[in-house]
Amino acid sequence: KQSTLNNQQYQAVPHESPHTLFFVNLNSTLFIMKLSTSTQFSLIVVVLSAWTASSLSLTMMGSRRGKGDLKVGLAGGSSSKKITSEKSAVASLNQGRGQEITGVTMPTPGTVKGWGFGDRKSVACANVDGEFYAIQGECPRCAFDLFKGDIINDEGFTDLPRIACPTCSTTYSMKSGVHGPPVKRTGLAGFVGNLAKTATINDASSNAVAFSISIDDESGRVFMKEK
């Protein structure tokens, strides 16, 4: 049944005593956790993403989700040899600037935009002090949307700027895609983040794919190339 929880709200529902289902709405994503009186908690069971009144899609924590209404097909293939050759072809396009991308909106300073592409690919593009940075759209650790995360440009972190996953709080360099320490969150966001980090511990050292973004000064055409 569709829940009416607002953001940052939760609801506990008795379920198969002595267990309780714990529903949490965090950034429009509905988490369902199973808690027991005999243990502190069970790990996240499932996550319902794209949580709207008209549509629900079921995703297991750590799985890789597909995207609908995709715009532009990027290079990809089923074999490593094909992937390598196609990446080289894309990189050599447009005087080495890579693939031209159309139909996207550039982020304003201090914001992040999510772009959807073919072959189940998405990209998070950030505008930091007028410079554009791009990274794969899904968190390598928990598979949630990085474009919904926070830009980190704090001197307490290295390899800046970084983006923090809105779910597991892991940070990734927008320049290199290298993972780094998580941001510290409190309250409900911190609680869910700790559960997500525990459930995805095997992917804690995974790095993200980073892209270079360039814009033609005369035509305004946008190009993207994997680093």
C-alpha atoms as a PDB file:
ATOM      1  CA  LYS A   1       0.000   0.000   0.000  1.00  0.00           C
ATOM      2  CA  GLN A   2       1.307   3.441  -0.898  1.00  0.00           C
ATOM      3  CA  SER A   3       2.726   5.137   2.170  1.00  0.00           C
ATOM      4  CA  THR A   4       2.220   8.829   2.902  1.00  0.00           C
ATOM      5  CA  LEU A   5       5.470   9.316   4.803  1.00  0.00           C
ATOM      6  CA  ASN A   6       7.107  12.662   4.223  1.00  0.00           C
ATOM      7  CA  ASN A   7      10.853  13.052   3.791  1.00  0.00           C
ATOM      8  CA  GLN A   8      12.861  12.300   6.952  1.00  0.00           C
ATOM      9  CA  GLN A   9       9.892  10.461   8.506  1.00  0.00           C
ATOM     10  CA  TYR A  10       9.613   6.825   9.562  1.00  0.00           C
ATOM     11  CA  GLN A  11       6.927   4.389  10.647  1.00  0.00           C
ATOM     12  CA  ALA A  12       7.144   1.105  12.558  1.00  0.00           C
ATOM     13  CA  VAL A  13       4.668  -1.667  11.640  1.00  0.00           C
ATOM     14  CA  PRO A  14       4.349  -4.938  13.640  1.00  0.00           C
ATOM     15  CA  HIS A  15       5.201  -7.930  11.474  1.00  0.00           C
ATOM     16  CA  GLU A  16       5.442 -11.630  12.372  1.00  0.00           C
ATOM     17  CA  SER A  17       6.173 -11.205  16.083  1.00  0.00           C
ATOM     18  CA  PRO A  18       8.761 -10.565  17.456  1.00  0.00           C
ATOM     19  CA  HIS A  19       9.748  -8.672  14.288  1.00  0.00           C
ATOM     20  CA  THR A  20       8.844  -5.138  13.271  1.00  0.00           C
ATOM     21  CA  LEU A  21       9.079  -3.583   9.814  1.00  0.00           C
ATOM     22  CA  PHE A  22      10.670  -0.158   9.888  1.00  0.00           C
ATOM     23  CA  PHE A  23       9.719   2.117   6.947  1.00  0.00           C
ATOM     24  CA  VAL A  24      11.993   5.134   6.399  1.00  0.00           C
ATOM     25  CA  ASN A  25      11.590   7.876   3.789  1.00  0.00           C
ATOM     26  CA  LEU A  26      14.977   9.405   3.035  1.00  0.00           C
ATOM     27  CA  ASN A  27      15.276  11.744   0.060  1.00  0.00           C
ATOM     28  CA  SER A  28      12.179  10.213  -1.590  1.00  0.00           C
ATOM     29  CA  THR A  29      13.598   6.686  -1.296  1.00  0.00           C
ATOM     30  CA  LEU A  30      11.664   4.245   0.880  1.00  0.00           C
ATOM     31  CA  PHE A  31      13.831   1.943   2.982  1.00  0.00           C
ATOM     32  CA  ILE A  32      12.331  -1.145   4.565  1.00  0.00           C
ATOM     33  CA  MET A  33      14.209  -2.670   7.500  1.00  0.00           C
ATOM     34  CA  LYS A  34      13.326  -5.691   9.581  1.00  0.00           C
ATOM     35  CA  LEU A  35      14.020  -5.313  13.278  1.00  0.00           C
ATOM     36  CA  SER A  36      13.785  -7.915  16.012  1.00  0.00           C
ATOM     37  CA  THR A  37      13.491  -7.606  19.769  1.00  0.00           C
ATOM     38  CA  SER A  38      16.165 -10.264  20.131  1.00  0.00           C
ATOM     39  CA  THR A  39      18.766  -8.463  18.012  1.00  0.00           C
ATOM     40  CA  GLN A  40      19.620  -4.836  17.459  1.00  0.00           C
ATOM     41  CA  PHE A  41      18.570  -4.910  13.794  1.00  0.00           C
ATOM     42  CA  SER A  42      18.645  -6.918  10.615  1.00  0.00           C
ATOM     43  CA  LEU A  43      20.362  -5.387   7.609  1.00  0.00           C
ATOM     44  CA  ILE A  44      18.359  -3.532   5.025  1.00  0.00           C
ATOM     45  CA  VAL A  45      16.068  -6.032   3.373  1.00  0.00           C
ATOM     46  CA  VAL A  46      14.878  -4.219   0.275  1.00  0.00           C
ATOM     47  CA  VAL A  47      14.738  -0.715  -1.057  1.00  0.00           C
ATOM     48  CA  LEU A  48      11.841   0.773  -2.986  1.00  0.00           C
ATOM     49  CA  SER A  49      13.194   3.414  -5.321  1.00  0.00           C
ATOM     50  CA  ALA A  50      11.478   5.852  -7.671  1.00  0.00           C
ATOM     51  CA  TRP A  51       8.930   6.177  -4.869  1.00  0.00           C
ATOM     52  CA  THR A  52       5.934   7.997  -6.264  1.00  0.00           C
ATOM     53  CA  ALA A  53       2.187   7.601  -5.960  1.00  0.00           C
ATOM     54  CA  SER A  54       1.980   6.108  -9.445  1.00  0.00           C
ATOM     55  CA  SER A  55       5.122   3.987  -9.674  1.00  0.00           C
ATOM     56  CA  LEU A  56       7.186   1.723  -7.443  1.00  0.00           C
ATOM     57  CA  SER A  57      10.206  -0.311  -8.517  1.00  0.00           C
ATOM     58  CA  LEU A  58      11.838  -2.934  -6.330  1.00  0.00           C
ATOM     59  CA  THR A  59      15.630  -2.967  -5.914  1.00  0.00           C
ATOM     60  CA  MET A  60      17.827  -5.156  -3.734  1.00  0.00           C
ATOM     61  CA  MET A  61      20.536  -3.280  -1.845  1.00  0.00           C
ATOM     62  CA  GLY A  62      23.753  -3.264  -3.867  1.00  0.00           C
ATOM     63  CA  SER A  63      22.145  -4.218  -7.177  1.00  0.00           C
ATOM     64  CA  ARG A  64      22.601  -2.198 -10.348  1.00  0.00           C
ATOM     65  CA  ARG A  65      19.470  -0.487 -11.625  1.00  0.00           C
ATOM     66  CA  GLY A  66      18.473   0.232 -15.193  1.00  0.00           C
ATOM     67  CA  LYS A  67      17.192   3.615 -16.347  1.00  0.00           C
ATOM     68  CA  GLY A  68      14.229   4.460 -18.540  1.00  0.00           C
ATOM     69  CA  ASP A  69      13.709   7.281 -21.042  1.00  0.00           C
ATOM     70  CA  LEU A  70      17.357   7.242 -22.018  1.00  0.00           C
ATOM     71  CA  LYS A  71      18.732   9.911 -24.322  1.00  0.00           C
ATOM     72  CA  VAL A  72      22.054   9.097 -25.928  1.00  0.00           C
ATOM     73  CA  GLY A  73      23.863   5.784 -26.459  1.00  0.00           C
ATOM     74  CA  LEU A  74      27.467   5.704 -25.310  1.00  0.00           C
ATOM     75  CA  ALA A  75      30.082   3.091 -26.180  1.00  0.00           C
ATOM     76  CA  GLY A  76      29.596  -0.342 -24.631  1.00  0.00           C
ATOM     77  CA  GLY A  77      29.689  -4.013 -25.537  1.00  0.00           C
ATOM     78  CA  SER A  78      29.675  -7.576 -24.325  1.00  0.00           C
ATOM     79  CA  SER A  79      33.389  -8.367 -24.658  1.00  0.00           C
ATOM     80  CA  SER A  80      36.377  -6.602 -23.126  1.00  0.00           C
ATOM     81  CA  LYS A  81      38.058  -6.332 -26.524  1.00  0.00           C
ATOM     82  CA  LYS A  82      35.002  -4.663 -28.019  1.00  0.00           C
ATOM     83  CA  ILE A  83      34.659  -2.309 -25.062  1.00  0.00           C
ATOM     84  CA  THR A  84      38.311  -1.273 -25.348  1.00  0.00           C
ATOM     85  CA  SER A  85      38.103  -0.609 -29.091  1.00  0.00           C
ATOM     86  CA  GLU A  86      34.866   1.345 -28.777  1.00  0.00           C
ATOM     87  CA  LYS A  87      36.236   3.441 -25.914  1.00  0.00           C
ATOM     88  CA  SER A  88      39.228   4.296 -28.062  1.00  0.00           C
ATOM     89  CA  ALA A  89      36.931   5.259 -30.922  1.00  0.00           C
ATOM     90  CA  VAL A  90      34.835   7.506 -28.667  1.00  0.00           C
ATOM     91  CA  ALA A  91      37.932   9.112 -27.147  1.00  0.00           C
ATOM     92  CA  SER A  92      39.258  10.009 -30.598  1.00  0.00           C
ATOM     93  CA  LEU A  93      36.014  11.634 -31.696  1.00  0.00           C
ATOM     94  CA  ASN A  94      35.758  15.371 -32.165  1.00  0.00           C
ATOM     95  CA  GLN A  95      39.494  16.123 -31.991  1.00  0.00           C
ATOM     96  CA  GLY A  96      39.901  14.054 -28.853  1.00  0.00           C
ATOM     97  CA  ARG A  97      37.054  15.652 -26.932  1.00  0.00           C
ATOM     98  CA  GLY A  98      35.046  12.423 -26.981  1.00  0.00           C
ATOM     99  CA  GLN A  99      31.336  11.826 -27.486  1.00  0.00           C
ATOM    100  CA  GLU A 100      29.061  14.772 -28.166  1.00  0.00           C
ATOM    101  CA  ILE A 101      26.055  14.702 -25.850  1.00  0.00           C
ATOM    102  CA  THR A 102      22.785  16.412 -26.682  1.00  0.00           C
ATOM    103  CA  GLY A 103      19.528  17.086 -24.910  1.00  0.00           C
ATOM    104  CA  VAL A 104      21.131  17.714 -21.521  1.00  0.00           C
ATOM    105  CA  THR A 105      20.959  20.710 -19.211  1.00  0.00           C
ATOM    106  CA  MET A 106      24.191  21.943 -17.673  1.00  0.00           C
ATOM    107  CA  PRO A 107      24.152  22.388 -13.887  1.00  0.00           C
ATOM    108  CA  THR A 108      24.313  25.867 -12.394  1.00  0.00           C
ATOM    109  CA  PRO A 109      27.200  26.718 -10.028  1.00  0.00           C
ATOM    110  CA  GLY A 110      27.100  24.646  -6.861  1.00  0.00           C
ATOM    111  CA  THR A 111      24.587  22.093  -8.168  1.00  0.00           C
ATOM    112  CA  VAL A 112      24.565  18.568  -9.650  1.00  0.00           C
ATOM    113  CA  LYS A 113      22.538  17.314 -12.610  1.00  0.00           C
ATOM    114  CA  GLY A 114      21.740  13.695 -13.435  1.00  0.00           C
ATOM    115  CA  TRP A 115      21.930  12.642 -17.086  1.00  0.00           C
ATOM    116  CA  GLY A 116      20.516   9.389 -18.469  1.00  0.00           C
ATOM    117  CA  PHE A 117      22.123   7.618 -21.448  1.00  0.00           C
ATOM    118  CA  GLY A 118      21.834   4.401 -23.398  1.00  0.00           C
ATOM    119  CA  ASP A 119      22.951   0.952 -22.256  1.00  0.00           C
ATOM    120  CA  ARG A 120      21.722   1.599 -18.700  1.00  0.00           C
ATOM    121  CA  LYS A 121      24.259   4.336 -18.079  1.00  0.00           C
ATOM    122  CA  SER A 122      23.833   7.540 -16.148  1.00  0.00           C
ATOM    123  CA  VAL A 123      26.152  10.395 -15.249  1.00  0.00           C
ATOM    124  CA  ALA A 124      26.229  12.944 -12.436  1.00  0.00           C
ATOM    125  CA  CYS A 125      27.566  16.293 -13.656  1.00  0.00           C
ATOM    126  CA  ALA A 126      28.531  18.999 -11.145  1.00  0.00           C
ATOM    127  CA  ASN A 127      29.359  22.666 -11.560  1.00  0.00           C
ATOM    128  CA  VAL A 128      31.969  23.723  -9.019  1.00  0.00           C
ATOM    129  CA  ASP A 129      33.131  27.323  -9.273  1.00  0.00           C
ATOM    130  CA  GLY A 130      32.316  27.372 -12.975  1.00  0.00           C
ATOM    131  CA  GLU A 131      34.206  24.121 -13.734  1.00  0.00           C
ATOM    132  CA  PHE A 132      32.276  21.059 -14.890  1.00  0.00           C
ATOM    133  CA  TYR A 133      32.997  17.610 -13.469  1.00  0.00           C
ATOM    134  CA  ALA A 134      31.276  14.330 -14.262  1.00  0.00           C
ATOM    135  CA  ILE A 135      31.172  10.906 -12.660  1.00  0.00           C
ATOM    136  CA  GLN A 136      29.135   7.754 -13.132  1.00  0.00           C
ATOM    137  CA  GLY A 137      25.543   8.212 -12.005  1.00  0.00           C
ATOM    138  CA  GLU A 138      25.271   5.237  -9.660  1.00  0.00           C
ATOM    139  CA  CYS A 139      27.223   4.902  -6.445  1.00  0.00           C
ATOM    140  CA  PRO A 140      29.736   2.032  -6.917  1.00  0.00           C
ATOM    141  CA  ARG A 141      29.061   0.934  -3.348  1.00  0.00           C
ATOM    142  CA  CYS A 142      25.285   0.971  -2.898  1.00  0.00           C
ATOM    143  CA  ALA A 143      24.024   1.715  -6.455  1.00  0.00           C
ATOM    144  CA  PHE A 144      21.973   4.783  -5.548  1.00  0.00           C
ATOM    145  CA  ASP A 145      21.892   8.027  -7.522  1.00  0.00           C
ATOM    146  CA  LEU A 146      24.993  10.133  -6.958  1.00  0.00           C
ATOM    147  CA  PHE A 147      23.395  13.158  -8.599  1.00  0.00           C
ATOM    148  CA  LYS A 148      21.171  13.404  -5.519  1.00  0.00           C
ATOM    149  CA  GLY A 149      24.266  13.653  -3.326  1.00  0.00           C
ATOM    150  CA  ASP A 150      26.159  16.593  -1.862  1.00  0.00           C
ATOM    151  CA  ILE A 151      29.151  18.360  -3.402  1.00  0.00           C
ATOM    152  CA  ILE A 152      32.101  18.290  -0.988  1.00  0.00           C
ATOM    153  CA  ASN A 153      34.744  21.001  -1.354  1.00  0.00           C
ATOM    154  CA  ASP A 154      35.982  20.961   2.241  1.00  0.00           C
ATOM    155  CA  GLU A 155      39.695  21.161   3.041  1.00  0.00           C
ATOM    156  CA  GLY A 156      39.205  18.216   5.389  1.00  0.00           C
ATOM    157  CA  PHE A 157      39.010  15.991   2.278  1.00  0.00           C
ATOM    158  CA  THR A 158      41.577  15.386  -0.470  1.00  0.00           C
ATOM    159  CA  ASP A 159      41.265  15.135  -4.259  1.00  0.00           C
ATOM    160  CA  LEU A 160      38.560  17.787  -4.383  1.00  0.00           C
ATOM    161  CA  PRO A 161      35.866  18.358  -5.358  1.00  0.00           C
ATOM    162  CA  ARG A 162      34.071  15.229  -4.185  1.00  0.00           C
ATOM    163  CA  ILE A 163      30.488  14.047  -4.199  1.00  0.00           C
ATOM    164  CA  ALA A 164      28.908  12.226  -1.265  1.00  0.00           C
ATOM    165  CA  CYS A 165      26.413   9.434  -1.886  1.00  0.00           C
ATOM    166  CA  PRO A 166      23.034  10.400  -0.394  1.00  0.00           C
ATOM    167  CA  THR A 167      22.536   6.880   0.947  1.00  0.00           C
ATOM    168  CA  CYS A 168      25.820   5.311   2.118  1.00  0.00           C
ATOM    169  CA  SER A 169      27.644   8.678   2.518  1.00  0.00           C
ATOM    170  CA  THR A 170      30.778   7.416   0.720  1.00  0.00           C
ATOM    171  CA  THR A 171      32.596  10.221  -1.128  1.00  0.00           C
ATOM    172  CA  TYR A 172      34.094  10.043  -4.625  1.00  0.00           C
ATOM    173  CA  SER A 173      36.471  12.445  -6.311  1.00  0.00           C
ATOM    174  CA  MET A 174      34.815  14.216  -9.216  1.00  0.00           C
ATOM    175  CA  LYS A 175      38.241  14.455 -10.845  1.00  0.00           C
ATOM    176  CA  SER A 176      39.388  10.840 -10.590  1.00  0.00           C
ATOM    177  CA  GLY A 177      36.457   8.790  -9.289  1.00  0.00           C
ATOM    178  CA  VAL A 178      38.562   7.466  -6.395  1.00  0.00           C
ATOM    179  CA  HIS A 179      36.570   6.609  -3.283  1.00  0.00           C
ATOM    180  CA  GLY A 180      37.309   8.324  -0.004  1.00  0.00           C
ATOM    181  CA  PRO A 181      36.081   8.646   3.572  1.00  0.00           C
ATOM    182  CA  PRO A 182      32.336   9.096   4.099  1.00  0.00           C
ATOM    183  CA  VAL A 183      30.755  12.317   5.236  1.00  0.00           C
ATOM    184  CA  LYS A 184      29.403  12.309   8.763  1.00  0.00           C
ATOM    185  CA  ARG A 185      25.626  12.582   8.957  1.00  0.00           C
ATOM    186  CA  THR A 186      23.411  12.655  12.006  1.00  0.00           C
ATOM    187  CA  GLY A 187      19.833  11.751  12.807  1.00  0.00           C
ATOM    188  CA  LEU A 188      17.818   9.587  10.464  1.00  0.00           C
ATOM    189  CA  ALA A 189      20.211  10.129   7.541  1.00  0.00           C
ATOM    190  CA  GLY A 190      23.122   8.947   9.668  1.00  0.00           C
ATOM    191  CA  PHE A 191      21.177   5.907  10.858  1.00  0.00           C
ATOM    192  CA  VAL A 192      20.264   4.818   7.317  1.00  0.00           C
ATOM    193  CA  GLY A 193      23.783   5.585   6.077  1.00  0.00           C
ATOM    194  CA  ASN A 194      25.333   3.323   8.701  1.00  0.00           C
ATOM    195  CA  LEU A 195      23.001   0.484   7.743  1.00  0.00           C
ATOM    196  CA  ALA A 196      23.772   0.978   4.057  1.00  0.00           C
ATOM    197  CA  LYS A 197      27.533   0.950   4.702  1.00  0.00           C
ATOM    198  CA  THR A 198      27.221  -2.257   6.701  1.00  0.00           C
ATOM    199  CA  ALA A 199      25.131  -3.957   4.024  1.00  0.00           C
ATOM    200  CA  THR A 200      27.587  -3.019   1.237  1.00  0.00           C
ATOM    201  CA  ILE A 201      30.908  -3.497   3.036  1.00  0.00           C
ATOM    202  CA  ASN A 202      32.223  -5.772   0.250  1.00  0.00           C
ATOM    203  CA  ASP A 203      32.089  -2.855  -2.213  1.00  0.00           C
ATOM    204  CA  ALA A 204      33.666  -0.311   0.137  1.00  0.00           C
ATOM    205  CA  SER A 205      36.838   0.031  -1.971  1.00  0.00           C
ATOM    206  CA  SER A 206      35.115   0.357  -5.354  1.00  0.00           C
ATOM    207  CA  ASN A 207      35.960   3.460  -7.372  1.00  0.00           C
ATOM    208  CA  ALA A 208      33.723   5.377  -9.762  1.00  0.00           C
ATOM    209  CA  VAL A 209      34.286   6.157 -13.432  1.00  0.00           C
ATOM    210  CA  ALA A 210      35.078   9.835 -14.005  1.00  0.00           C
ATOM    211  CA  PHE A 211      34.578  11.813 -17.213  1.00  0.00           C
ATOM    212  CA  SER A 212      35.959  15.032 -18.611  1.00  0.00           C
ATOM    213  CA  ILE A 213      33.422  17.587 -19.838  1.00  0.00           C
ATOM    214  CA  SER A 214      34.195  20.220 -22.442  1.00  0.00           C
ATOM    215  CA  ILE A 215      32.019  22.841 -24.128  1.00  0.00           C
ATOM    216  CA  ASP A 216      32.776  24.365 -27.506  1.00  0.00           C
ATOM    217  CA  ASP A 217      33.056  28.138 -27.077  1.00  0.00           C
ATOM    218  CA  GLU A 218      31.547  28.958 -30.469  1.00  0.00           C
ATOM    219  CA  SER A 219      28.793  26.383 -30.910  1.00  0.00           C
ATOM    220  CA  GLY A 220      28.039  25.532 -27.293  1.00  0.00           C
ATOM    221  CA  ARG A 221      28.245  21.804 -28.105  1.00  0.00           C
ATOM    222  CA  VAL A 222      28.957  19.586 -25.091  1.00  0.00           C
ATOM    223  CA  PHE A 223      31.435  16.714 -25.194  1.00  0.00           C
ATOM    224  CA  MET A 224      32.209  13.980 -22.682  1.00  0.00           C
ATOM    225  CA  LYS A 225      35.138  11.567 -22.510  1.00  0.00           C
ATOM    226  CA  GLU A 226      35.939   8.877 -19.987  1.00  0.00           C
ATOM    227  CA  LYS A 227      39.164   9.565 -18.078  1.00  0.00           C
END
